[in-house]
Amino acid sequence: MVLRVFEEKSFAEIGEILNKSTETVKKRFGRTRIKLQQFMTEEGGRVRWSESDLLSKMKK
């Protein structure tokens, strides 16, 4: 998540750094995003953020 959000690396670049396939990196990022959304859920409501929304919110 840090490499994608703060370092603005592509999935391919992250895969090279972690020695994982691009698909593995995408799946892990997706799972992490879901867990983060669940964590951020307030009073039964669902927070729906796109990747670009997440990037902008985390940089503030």
C-alpha atoms as a PDB file:
ATOM      1  CA  MET A   1       0.000   0.000   0.000  1.00  0.00           C
ATOM      2  CA  VAL A   2       2.802   2.402   0.903  1.00  0.00           C
ATOM      3  CA  LEU A   3       4.640   1.880  -2.388  1.00  0.00           C
ATOM      4  CA  ARG A   4       1.466   2.445  -4.402  1.00  0.00           C
ATOM      5  CA  VAL A   5       0.020   5.350  -2.425  1.00  0.00           C
ATOM      6  CA  PHE A   6       2.996   7.324  -1.160  1.00  0.00           C
ATOM      7  CA  GLU A   7       5.707   6.345  -3.615  1.00  0.00           C
ATOM      8  CA  GLU A   8       3.256   6.293  -6.579  1.00  0.00           C
ATOM      9  CA  LYS A   9       4.798   3.116  -7.981  1.00  0.00           C
ATOM     10  CA  SER A  10       3.019   1.108 -10.665  1.00  0.00           C
ATOM     11  CA  PHE A  11       1.880  -2.426  -9.913  1.00  0.00           C
ATOM     12  CA  ALA A  12       4.651  -3.680 -12.213  1.00  0.00           C
ATOM     13  CA  GLU A  13       7.297  -1.688 -10.328  1.00  0.00           C
ATOM     14  CA  ILE A  14       6.032  -2.961  -6.979  1.00  0.00           C
ATOM     15  CA  GLY A  15       6.118  -6.499  -8.352  1.00  0.00           C
ATOM     16  CA  GLU A  16       9.758  -6.084  -9.295  1.00  0.00           C
ATOM     17  CA  ILE A  17      10.626  -4.671  -5.864  1.00  0.00           C
ATOM     18  CA  LEU A  18       8.817  -7.477  -4.018  1.00  0.00           C
ATOM     19  CA  ASN A  19       9.741 -10.186  -6.519  1.00  0.00           C
ATOM     20  CA  LYS A  20       6.036 -10.927  -7.104  1.00  0.00           C
ATOM     21  CA  SER A  21       3.932 -10.968 -10.250  1.00  0.00           C
ATOM     22  CA  THR A  22       1.916  -7.897 -11.195  1.00  0.00           C
ATOM     23  CA  GLU A  23      -1.287  -9.898 -10.702  1.00  0.00           C
ATOM     24  CA  THR A  24      -0.250 -10.886  -7.171  1.00  0.00           C
ATOM     25  CA  VAL A  25       0.478  -7.258  -6.327  1.00  0.00           C
ATOM     26  CA  LYS A  26      -2.904  -6.148  -7.718  1.00  0.00           C
ATOM     27  CA  LYS A  27      -4.737  -8.803  -5.696  1.00  0.00           C
ATOM     28  CA  ARG A  28      -2.912  -7.901  -2.499  1.00  0.00           C
ATOM     29  CA  PHE A  29      -3.571  -4.209  -3.045  1.00  0.00           C
ATOM     30  CA  GLY A  30      -7.252  -4.910  -3.628  1.00  0.00           C
ATOM     31  CA  ARG A  31      -7.524  -7.001  -0.465  1.00  0.00           C
ATOM     32  CA  THR A  32      -5.733  -4.329   1.543  1.00  0.00           C
ATOM     33  CA  ARG A  33      -8.027  -1.627   0.163  1.00  0.00           C
ATOM     34  CA  ILE A  34     -11.083  -3.674   1.174  1.00  0.00           C
ATOM     35  CA  LYS A  35      -9.715  -4.144   4.688  1.00  0.00           C
ATOM     36  CA  LEU A  36      -9.007  -0.421   4.928  1.00  0.00           C
ATOM     37  CA  GLN A  37     -12.537   0.401   3.757  1.00  0.00           C
ATOM     38  CA  GLN A  38     -13.958  -1.962   6.376  1.00  0.00           C
ATOM     39  CA  PHE A  39     -11.814  -0.316   9.028  1.00  0.00           C
ATOM     40  CA  MET A  40     -13.004   3.131   7.935  1.00  0.00           C
ATOM     41  CA  THR A  41     -16.692   2.176   7.963  1.00  0.00           C
ATOM     42  CA  GLU A  42     -18.674   4.327  10.316  1.00  0.00           C
ATOM     43  CA  GLU A  43     -21.877   3.235  12.084  1.00  0.00           C
ATOM     44  CA  GLY A  44     -22.832   0.605   9.550  1.00  0.00           C
ATOM     45  CA  GLY A  45     -22.355   2.913   6.561  1.00  0.00           C
ATOM     46  CA  ARG A  46     -19.920   2.002   3.817  1.00  0.00           C
ATOM     47  CA  VAL A  47     -17.092   4.231   2.737  1.00  0.00           C
ATOM     48  CA  ARG A  48     -16.608   3.927  -1.013  1.00  0.00           C
ATOM     49  CA  TRP A  49     -13.400   5.334  -2.341  1.00  0.00           C
ATOM     50  CA  SER A  50     -11.744   4.852  -5.663  1.00  0.00           C
ATOM     51  CA  GLU A  51      -7.981   4.419  -5.774  1.00  0.00           C
ATOM     52  CA  SER A  52      -7.517   8.077  -6.753  1.00  0.00           C
ATOM     53  CA  ASP A  53      -9.737   9.190  -3.845  1.00  0.00           C
ATOM     54  CA  LEU A  54      -7.729   7.010  -1.485  1.00  0.00           C
ATOM     55  CA  LEU A  55      -4.457   8.438  -2.803  1.00  0.00           C
ATOM     56  CA  SER A  56      -5.582  12.025  -2.335  1.00  0.00           C
ATOM     57  CA  LYS A  57      -7.010  11.402   1.149  1.00  0.00           C
ATOM     58  CA  MET A  58      -3.898   9.611   2.390  1.00  0.00           C
ATOM     59  CA  LYS A  59      -1.565  12.370   1.175  1.00  0.00           C
ATOM     60  CA  LYS A  60      -3.323  15.091   3.195  1.00  0.00           C
END
